[in-house]
Each structure stands twice: as structure tokens, then as C-alpha cells.
Amino acid sequence: MLSGEASQCGFECDFEDGLTCEHCGARAHAAVVQRSRLEFLADTGSEEDLLGTADAIQFFPDAPPQPASREVNLITANGAVMGSQTITTAVPEFGKNLEFYVLDDTPPVCSVGKRCMEDGFGFYWPPFKSPYFVSPSGERIKCTMRGK
């Protein structure tokens, strides 16, 4: 289940495409940041930036996964997994290269906590409005809501 949000039918499923309940077709709500044609979930519950193997192959064919400098144990919707491979790529919206752990089956995830705690960004979600990041230099990076 995406971000612990219950679907309309009440069934906590794995959301095949990351946002649609495979039982009732309801859409989960998620804030996303877009890099080129790839959208990343802005996830407050993930300590790491994540990328699925299929997305890594499709969007970063010239950057094969490398052994991670630090392996991590992750608790995901699919259970516990070990993050042992990463891809490092430029994400212009954040003004730097980001290291993504490559997992077999995960939506693209941008860790809100990592941006705030390690990179000095702010993250704000005003009532009735779309959320946004604020860079250390004060630039706003708007997130788009999907599934609403």
C-alpha cells in the first residue's frame, strides 16, 4: 500500500503501478517530482532514494548499477530487502547527483527526509495546495499531485 493510505475498497494492496488499487481501481494520492520523463514519489517515509530495476534500465541505460558503498536493509511493501546496488545520476531539480538504491520492484522514490536533513531543503504542504520543496538558495520546486 502506498504511504499506508487505504484504498476505497479497504483492501491494502501492493498497487501494481504504484498508484492504482488492483482490486477496486481507486487511485492513491502521491506527490511527485519529475526528472525528464521519470516521476519520483516524494516519500516522507523512506530514508533512501530508490529506483526499480526496470526504470533503471529504461531511463539510465548508460549508468549500470554499481555495488553500493553502504548496503542498507529496507522494509518495503513487499517485505524486507537488502539494498546492495546503486545508480548515481544528476537530478537538476536538486542541483546535484543523487544515489538511488536499485531494487527489483519499487516505484521511483525521492526521500524527503534525505533532502531536508542532508541537503538543507525544506518541504512544505500547505492546506488545500500542492506540496513543494524549497532549496537552500530559496528556489521552490513544485511537486505535482497524482491520483487526485
Protein backbone atom coordinates (compact mmCIF):
# COMPACT_ATOMS: atom_id res chain seq x y z
CA MET A 1 0.00 0.00 0.00
CA LEU A 2 1.39 3.38 -0.98
CA SER A 3 2.28 5.53 2.04
CA GLY A 4 -0.06 3.46 4.24
CA GLU A 5 -3.11 5.02 2.59
CA ALA A 6 -6.12 2.68 2.49
CA SER A 7 -7.82 2.22 -0.86
CA GLN A 8 -11.52 2.96 -1.28
CA CYS A 9 -12.36 -0.74 -1.08
CA GLY A 10 -10.40 -1.01 2.18
CA PHE A 11 -8.06 -3.64 0.77
CA GLU A 12 -4.42 -2.80 1.40
CA CYS A 13 -2.90 -3.96 -1.85
CA ASP A 14 0.52 -3.52 -3.37
CA PHE A 15 -0.55 -1.02 -6.07
CA GLU A 16 0.89 -2.63 -9.20
CA ASP A 17 1.68 0.70 -10.87
CA GLY A 18 2.42 2.44 -7.59
CA LEU A 19 -0.85 4.40 -7.53
CA THR A 20 -3.84 2.25 -8.56
CA CYS A 21 -5.57 -0.36 -6.37
CA GLU A 22 -5.65 -3.60 -8.31
CA HIS A 23 -8.94 -4.56 -6.60
CA CYS A 24 -11.19 -1.50 -6.96
CA GLY A 25 -9.24 0.74 -9.35
CA ALA A 26 -9.05 3.62 -6.84
CA ARG A 27 -6.06 5.91 -7.13
CA ALA A 28 -3.82 6.70 -4.19
CA HIS A 29 -2.69 10.28 -3.72
CA ALA A 30 1.02 11.00 -4.09
CA ALA A 31 3.30 13.97 -4.51
CA VAL A 32 5.80 13.53 -7.30
CA VAL A 33 8.92 15.28 -8.55
CA GLN A 34 9.68 14.82 -12.24
CA ARG A 35 13.12 14.26 -13.74
CA SER A 36 12.98 14.13 -17.53
CA ARG A 37 10.12 11.72 -18.18
CA LEU A 38 10.52 9.82 -14.89
CA GLU A 39 8.44 10.86 -11.90
CA PHE A 40 9.65 10.22 -8.35
CA LEU A 41 7.36 9.87 -5.35
CA ALA A 42 8.30 12.45 -2.73
CA ASP A 43 8.27 9.99 0.16
CA THR A 44 8.47 11.12 3.78
CA GLY A 45 8.70 7.50 4.95
CA SER A 46 11.78 6.44 3.02
CA GLU A 47 15.27 7.11 4.34
CA GLU A 48 16.79 6.36 0.93
CA ASP A 49 16.26 7.33 -2.70
CA LEU A 50 15.02 4.26 -4.59
CA LEU A 51 14.70 3.11 -8.17
CA GLY A 52 13.27 -0.09 -9.64
CA THR A 53 15.38 -2.27 -11.92
CA ALA A 54 13.05 -1.74 -14.91
CA ASP A 55 13.21 2.07 -14.51
CA ALA A 56 16.99 1.92 -14.13
CA ILE A 57 17.29 0.05 -17.43
CA GLN A 58 14.78 2.25 -19.28
CA PHE A 59 15.82 5.70 -18.04
CA PHE A 60 19.51 5.22 -17.24
CA PRO A 61 20.84 2.70 -19.78
CA ASP A 62 24.32 4.25 -19.71
CA ALA A 63 24.57 4.04 -15.91
CA PRO A 64 24.58 0.39 -14.90
CA PRO A 65 24.05 -0.32 -11.19
CA GLN A 66 27.25 -0.41 -9.15
CA PRO A 67 27.95 -2.05 -5.79
CA ALA A 68 26.71 0.29 -3.06
CA SER A 69 29.31 1.96 -0.88
CA ARG A 70 26.97 1.16 2.03
CA GLU A 71 24.45 -1.69 1.94
CA VAL A 72 21.11 -0.97 3.61
CA ASN A 73 18.28 -3.11 4.96
CA LEU A 74 14.94 -1.72 3.85
CA ILE A 75 11.42 -2.58 4.97
CA THR A 76 9.18 -2.21 1.91
CA ALA A 77 5.58 -3.01 0.99
CA ASN A 78 7.00 -6.26 -0.41
CA GLY A 79 8.83 -7.11 2.82
CA ALA A 80 12.45 -6.74 3.90
CA VAL A 81 15.03 -6.30 1.14
CA MET A 82 18.75 -5.57 1.02
CA GLY A 83 19.87 -2.55 -0.98
CA SER A 84 23.27 -3.50 -2.35
CA GLN A 85 23.41 -1.76 -5.74
CA THR A 86 23.09 1.92 -6.63
CA ILE A 87 22.92 4.27 -9.58
CA THR A 88 24.24 7.80 -9.24
CA THR A 89 22.73 10.33 -11.61
CA ALA A 90 22.28 14.08 -11.92
CA VAL A 91 18.94 15.44 -10.75
CA PRO A 92 18.98 19.08 -11.86
CA GLU A 93 15.92 19.97 -9.76
CA PHE A 94 18.01 19.30 -6.65
CA GLY A 95 21.23 20.70 -8.08
CA LYS A 96 23.32 17.60 -7.51
CA ASN A 97 23.91 13.95 -8.23
CA LEU A 98 21.71 11.59 -6.22
CA GLU A 99 22.49 8.00 -5.36
CA PHE A 100 19.49 5.68 -5.85
CA TYR A 101 19.35 2.18 -4.42
CA VAL A 102 18.19 -0.15 -7.18
CA LEU A 103 15.59 -2.70 -6.05
CA ASP A 104 13.80 -5.38 -8.07
CA ASP A 105 10.32 -3.93 -7.60
CA THR A 106 9.82 -0.37 -6.33
CA PRO A 107 8.41 2.85 -7.67
CA PRO A 108 10.94 5.68 -8.11
CA VAL A 109 11.30 7.32 -4.69
CA CYS A 110 12.87 10.62 -3.65
CA SER A 111 13.49 10.67 0.11
CA VAL A 112 12.05 13.87 1.59
CA GLY A 113 13.98 13.28 4.82
CA LYS A 114 17.30 12.96 2.99
CA ARG A 115 16.67 16.18 1.05
CA CYS A 116 15.81 18.04 4.26
CA MET A 117 18.29 16.54 6.75
CA GLU A 118 21.33 16.08 4.48
CA ASP A 119 20.85 18.59 1.66
CA GLY A 120 19.25 21.52 3.51
CA PHE A 121 15.93 21.60 1.65
CA GLY A 122 12.60 22.45 3.21
CA PHE A 123 9.41 20.53 2.37
CA TYR A 124 6.03 22.22 2.75
CA TRP A 125 2.47 21.07 2.17
CA PRO A 126 0.07 23.98 2.69
CA PRO A 127 -3.61 23.13 3.28
CA PHE A 128 -5.55 22.59 0.03
CA LYS A 129 -2.44 23.15 -2.12
CA SER A 130 0.27 21.07 -3.77
CA PRO A 131 3.44 20.45 -1.76
CA TYR A 132 6.82 21.87 -2.69
CA PHE A 133 10.48 21.76 -1.76
CA VAL A 134 12.49 24.90 -1.04
CA SER A 135 16.17 24.68 -1.95
CA PRO A 136 18.87 26.05 0.35
CA SER A 137 19.06 29.06 -2.01
CA GLY A 138 15.30 29.68 -1.68
CA GLU A 139 14.14 28.25 -5.03
CA ARG A 140 10.75 26.47 -4.96
CA ILE A 141 10.49 23.05 -6.56
CA LYS A 142 6.82 22.29 -7.04
CA CYS A 143 5.54 18.75 -6.65
CA THR A 144 2.63 17.56 -8.75
CA MET A 145 -0.22 15.60 -7.17
CA ARG A 146 -1.09 12.32 -8.90
CA GLY A 147 -4.16 10.24 -8.21
CA LYS A 148 -6.34 13.12 -7.08
